[in-house]
């Protein structure tokens, strides 16, 4: 099932703050770090099922009464570039979370893998018994 995600920038709230990191003297007077807030529960562009999936999967990362996601970017010295990076991060995150989960096919271990496991267990057991024999040895002989 292919899911279509609309452009969500119209429902995003942006804020700028002073960025940490490199930038020289300019970093002290410009606000290049961008914070994007997207309220999932109030979105008109997402369907109810998409909203519930996002809220369930992002439950530990939501802010503002467990309804909004906060994404920040301060990678660039440019405020515009950081804003574009935030929007890109939001769309990638939502696309990744709404991707349908492919159920795992249950398989049985192969004969070769069973034999390999038994050989490794025997070898591990032999190593442990050798260790035990070394501890019991009387080295004063």
Foldseek 3Di string as FASTA:
>chain_A
DDDDADQCVVQKDKDFAQDDDDDPPVSVPDGQKMKIKHFLVPDPRDDPVLSVLCLVVCVVQADDVSGIHIDMADPDPHNVVRVVVRSVVVVVVSNVSPPDDDDDDDDDDDPVVVVVVVVVVVVVVVVVVVVVVVVPDDPPD
